[in-house]
Amino acid sequence: MVDVYLSNGDSADEVVQHTNASGIERATPILEIDPDRGTFIRLLNQVDRGTEIGIPIYMKLVDSNGDPLPTNTRMKFEIRRAGDDDTHKVSEQIEQISFWNQNDLTTQRDVDNIDNAKVVLEYPEAASNDGAAPFHDVRDIDAFYVSIESAAEVDWSQSEFYFDNAAVKEGSR
């Protein structure tokens, strides 16, 4: 098991912090998963809690004033495979983050609310399959991003983002 998180300026070894470009009409990365050499991280689209498919994420994203990012902030997951110059969307696009803004991290993790905290992993845009993917493997030569489109920049000294531990596995290549 591996922890994938960014919390108040601290992060897991496999996580790279980014600051989004605010006020533009496209999503930019806020977090990158970068596995150690010779390893991969598997993100699972199903956990034993809740009834819905998806990977649970828990977050509190705030700006430099300590205010939550705007509710209309959009979020998606993207991947860039080795040798590819383009990123491809690999999740549903979350159109607004009100659930995460309105609930503290403990409430988000609660079994009664966990389905609201899930983001459905999908096959990449360029894949022959479509719909929900069972998992995504992020190899040490790939880049996986959490990207947002927002009117405000995330301030990582005051923000937190976690992938549910039950949905993250590490393996050797």
Foldseek 3Di string as FASTA:
>chain_A
DAWAKFALNDGGPQKDADKWDADDDDWDFGMKGADDPQKKKKFFQDFPFDDDTFWFKAKFFDFPVRHGFDQQKKKFKWKFAAPGPDIWTFWDIRRGDVVNHVDHRVVCPDSVNVVVRGIFTWDTPPDPDTDGDRIDMAHNRMMMGIIIHGNGITDSNHMMMTTPPRRMDMDGD
